[in-house]
Amino acid sequence: MEVVWTGLNSLYRGDKKLGCYTSLWMFPIYGSVIFFEPIMNIIAGLPIIVRGVTYMLYIFVAEYYSGTLLGKINACPWDYSNSRYNVQSVIRLDYAPLWFAVGLGFEAAYRYCLINL
């Protein structure tokens, strides 16, 4: 997901090579999505807006704490300080719709795997 996002951002900036990047720190951060499972089971019957907002908040919290902790050792792979809607340079509030959709995408993938694997 990270590579696709940064590659599309390169396209937006005019880089026809679609250069992309990530950090090894991102593997445990994205791996923390496993903690979605109990949350998904608890909120399974709730309306989609409630589920999406719940996932969005979870992602913001995970991004905030992981970015803050990595920042303490000067290892945070992202810096949102140039964004108008940044919070301490580690989260961007304007990404809320993206995280809403990503959370629901994780939920759909999880449900698909439960049924088909």
C-alpha atoms as a PDB file:
ATOM      1  CA  MET A   1       0.000   0.000   0.000  1.00  0.00           C
ATOM      2  CA  GLU A   2       2.814   2.387   0.908  1.00  0.00           C
ATOM      3  CA  VAL A   3       4.629   1.757  -2.364  1.00  0.00           C
ATOM      4  CA  VAL A   4       1.474   2.324  -4.431  1.00  0.00           C
ATOM      5  CA  TRP A   5       0.718   5.540  -2.535  1.00  0.00           C
ATOM      6  CA  THR A   6       4.207   7.004  -2.944  1.00  0.00           C
ATOM      7  CA  GLY A   7       4.334   5.864  -6.579  1.00  0.00           C
ATOM      8  CA  LEU A   8       1.061   7.650  -7.333  1.00  0.00           C
ATOM      9  CA  ASN A   9       2.385  10.714  -5.537  1.00  0.00           C
ATOM     10  CA  SER A  10       5.419  10.609  -7.863  1.00  0.00           C
ATOM     11  CA  LEU A  11       3.066  10.558 -10.848  1.00  0.00           C
ATOM     12  CA  TYR A  12       1.243  13.567  -9.411  1.00  0.00           C
ATOM     13  CA  ARG A  13       4.594  15.386  -9.206  1.00  0.00           C
ATOM     14  CA  GLY A  14       5.365  14.520 -12.836  1.00  0.00           C
ATOM     15  CA  ASP A  15       7.784  11.627 -12.263  1.00  0.00           C
ATOM     16  CA  LYS A  16       7.042   9.294 -15.177  1.00  0.00           C
ATOM     17  CA  LYS A  17       9.244   6.630 -13.591  1.00  0.00           C
ATOM     18  CA  LEU A  18       6.708   6.435 -10.741  1.00  0.00           C
ATOM     19  CA  GLY A  19       9.492   6.317  -8.182  1.00  0.00           C
ATOM     20  CA  CYS A  20       8.275   4.968  -4.869  1.00  0.00           C
ATOM     21  CA  TYR A  21       9.730   4.293  -1.468  1.00  0.00           C
ATOM     22  CA  THR A  22       9.009   2.902   1.944  1.00  0.00           C
ATOM     23  CA  SER A  23      10.844   2.109   5.153  1.00  0.00           C
ATOM     24  CA  LEU A  24      11.369  -1.136   7.014  1.00  0.00           C
ATOM     25  CA  TRP A  25       9.728   0.612   9.963  1.00  0.00           C
ATOM     26  CA  MET A  26       6.467   0.451   8.009  1.00  0.00           C
ATOM     27  CA  PHE A  27       6.247  -3.354   8.176  1.00  0.00           C
ATOM     28  CA  PRO A  28       5.443  -3.556  11.903  1.00  0.00           C
ATOM     29  CA  ILE A  29       3.305  -0.425  11.637  1.00  0.00           C
ATOM     30  CA  TYR A  30       1.149  -1.863   8.854  1.00  0.00           C
ATOM     31  CA  GLY A  31       1.358  -5.255  10.561  1.00  0.00           C
ATOM     32  CA  SER A  32      -0.489  -3.748  13.505  1.00  0.00           C
ATOM     33  CA  VAL A  33      -3.606  -4.012  11.334  1.00  0.00           C
ATOM     34  CA  ILE A  34      -3.952  -7.456  12.921  1.00  0.00           C
ATOM     35  CA  PHE A  35      -5.381  -5.607  15.916  1.00  0.00           C
ATOM     36  CA  PHE A  36      -8.327  -4.649  13.688  1.00  0.00           C
ATOM     37  CA  GLU A  37      -9.721  -8.172  14.054  1.00  0.00           C
ATOM     38  CA  PRO A  38     -11.198  -7.828  17.549  1.00  0.00           C
ATOM     39  CA  ILE A  39     -12.417  -4.339  16.705  1.00  0.00           C
ATOM     40  CA  MET A  40     -14.068  -5.620  13.515  1.00  0.00           C
ATOM     41  CA  ASN A  41     -15.800  -8.382  15.436  1.00  0.00           C
ATOM     42  CA  ILE A  42     -17.118  -5.958  18.061  1.00  0.00           C
ATOM     43  CA  ILE A  43     -18.487  -3.403  15.574  1.00  0.00           C
ATOM     44  CA  ALA A  44     -19.546  -5.841  12.818  1.00  0.00           C
ATOM     45  CA  GLY A  45     -23.263  -5.058  13.005  1.00  0.00           C
ATOM     46  CA  LEU A  46     -22.927  -1.285  13.250  1.00  0.00           C
ATOM     47  CA  PRO A  47     -23.603   1.109  10.346  1.00  0.00           C
ATOM     48  CA  ILE A  48     -20.810   1.602   7.819  1.00  0.00           C
ATOM     49  CA  ILE A  49     -20.228   5.210   8.911  1.00  0.00           C
ATOM     50  CA  VAL A  50     -19.559   4.093  12.504  1.00  0.00           C
ATOM     51  CA  ARG A  51     -17.227   1.324  11.346  1.00  0.00           C
ATOM     52  CA  GLY A  52     -15.341   3.644   8.976  1.00  0.00           C
ATOM     53  CA  VAL A  53     -14.902   6.334  11.621  1.00  0.00           C
ATOM     54  CA  THR A  54     -13.730   3.717  14.134  1.00  0.00           C
ATOM     55  CA  TYR A  55     -11.083   2.418  11.724  1.00  0.00           C
ATOM     56  CA  MET A  56     -10.039   5.954  10.811  1.00  0.00           C
ATOM     57  CA  LEU A  57      -9.530   6.826  14.474  1.00  0.00           C
ATOM     58  CA  TYR A  58      -7.589   3.610  15.089  1.00  0.00           C
ATOM     59  CA  ILE A  59      -5.285   4.410  12.162  1.00  0.00           C
ATOM     60  CA  PHE A  60      -4.785   7.994  13.347  1.00  0.00           C
ATOM     61  CA  VAL A  61      -3.885   6.765  16.847  1.00  0.00           C
ATOM     62  CA  ALA A  62      -1.507   4.120  15.475  1.00  0.00           C
ATOM     63  CA  GLU A  63       0.103   6.647  13.118  1.00  0.00           C
ATOM     64  CA  TYR A  64       0.409   9.261  15.861  1.00  0.00           C
ATOM     65  CA  TYR A  65       2.031   6.965  18.410  1.00  0.00           C
ATOM     66  CA  SER A  66       4.301   5.155  15.962  1.00  0.00           C
ATOM     67  CA  GLY A  67       5.391   8.466  14.404  1.00  0.00           C
ATOM     68  CA  THR A  68       5.976  10.037  17.807  1.00  0.00           C
ATOM     69  CA  LEU A  69       7.995   7.056  19.072  1.00  0.00           C
ATOM     70  CA  LEU A  70      10.086   6.856  15.908  1.00  0.00           C
ATOM     71  CA  GLY A  71      10.586  10.618  16.043  1.00  0.00           C
ATOM     72  CA  LYS A  72      12.234  10.242  19.448  1.00  0.00           C
ATOM     73  CA  ILE A  73      15.054   8.296  17.782  1.00  0.00           C
ATOM     74  CA  ASN A  74      15.002  10.454  14.631  1.00  0.00           C
ATOM     75  CA  ALA A  75      13.677   7.537  12.568  1.00  0.00           C
ATOM     76  CA  CYS A  76      10.143   8.580  11.560  1.00  0.00           C
ATOM     77  CA  PRO A  77       9.869   7.854   7.816  1.00  0.00           C
ATOM     78  CA  TRP A  78       7.281  10.583   7.224  1.00  0.00           C
ATOM     79  CA  ASP A  79       7.105  14.275   7.973  1.00  0.00           C
ATOM     80  CA  TYR A  80       3.821  16.086   7.504  1.00  0.00           C
ATOM     81  CA  SER A  81       5.063  19.446   8.787  1.00  0.00           C
ATOM     82  CA  ASN A  82       4.395  21.056   5.382  1.00  0.00           C
ATOM     83  CA  SER A  83       0.742  20.030   5.478  1.00  0.00           C
ATOM     84  CA  ARG A  84      -1.719  22.658   6.628  1.00  0.00           C
ATOM     85  CA  TYR A  85      -3.649  20.051   8.616  1.00  0.00           C
ATOM     86  CA  ASN A  86      -0.769  18.288  10.378  1.00  0.00           C
ATOM     87  CA  VAL A  87      -0.749  17.353  14.042  1.00  0.00           C
ATOM     88  CA  GLN A  88       2.797  17.478  15.420  1.00  0.00           C
ATOM     89  CA  SER A  89       4.055  16.564  11.929  1.00  0.00           C
ATOM     90  CA  VAL A  90       3.056  12.891  12.361  1.00  0.00           C
ATOM     91  CA  ILE A  91      -0.583  12.800  11.229  1.00  0.00           C
ATOM     92  CA  ARG A  92      -2.544  14.673   8.586  1.00  0.00           C
ATOM     93  CA  LEU A  93      -6.174  15.327   9.367  1.00  0.00           C
ATOM     94  CA  ASP A  94      -6.908  15.781   5.657  1.00  0.00           C
ATOM     95  CA  TYR A  95      -6.142  12.057   5.263  1.00  0.00           C
ATOM     96  CA  ALA A  96      -9.282  11.220   7.269  1.00  0.00           C
ATOM     97  CA  PRO A  97     -11.311  10.142   4.183  1.00  0.00           C
ATOM     98  CA  LEU A  98      -8.397   8.014   2.992  1.00  0.00           C
ATOM     99  CA  TRP A  99      -8.048   6.233   6.356  1.00  0.00           C
ATOM    100  CA  PHE A 100     -11.835   5.799   6.517  1.00  0.00           C
ATOM    101  CA  ALA A 101     -11.726   3.991   3.163  1.00  0.00           C
ATOM    102  CA  VAL A 102      -8.561   2.033   3.975  1.00  0.00           C
ATOM    103  CA  GLY A 103     -10.137   0.741   7.189  1.00  0.00           C
ATOM    104  CA  LEU A 104     -13.218  -0.432   5.327  1.00  0.00           C
ATOM    105  CA  GLY A 105     -10.934  -1.986   2.709  1.00  0.00           C
ATOM    106  CA  PHE A 106      -9.112  -3.924   5.433  1.00  0.00           C
ATOM    107  CA  GLU A 107     -12.484  -5.033   6.766  1.00  0.00           C
ATOM    108  CA  ALA A 108     -13.590  -6.242   3.318  1.00  0.00           C
ATOM    109  CA  ALA A 109     -10.318  -8.121   2.794  1.00  0.00           C
ATOM    110  CA  TYR A 110     -10.640  -9.730   6.209  1.00  0.00           C
ATOM    111  CA  ARG A 111     -14.220 -10.852   5.547  1.00  0.00           C
ATOM    112  CA  TYR A 112     -13.222 -12.161   2.097  1.00  0.00           C
ATOM    113  CA  CYS A 113     -10.406 -14.223   3.624  1.00  0.00           C
ATOM    114  CA  LEU A 114     -12.711 -15.631   6.295  1.00  0.00           C
ATOM    115  CA  ILE A 115     -15.157 -16.820   3.670  1.00  0.00           C
ATOM    116  CA  ASN A 116     -12.767 -17.984   0.953  1.00  0.00           C
ATOM    117  CA  LEU A 117      -9.648 -19.264   2.679  1.00  0.00           C
END
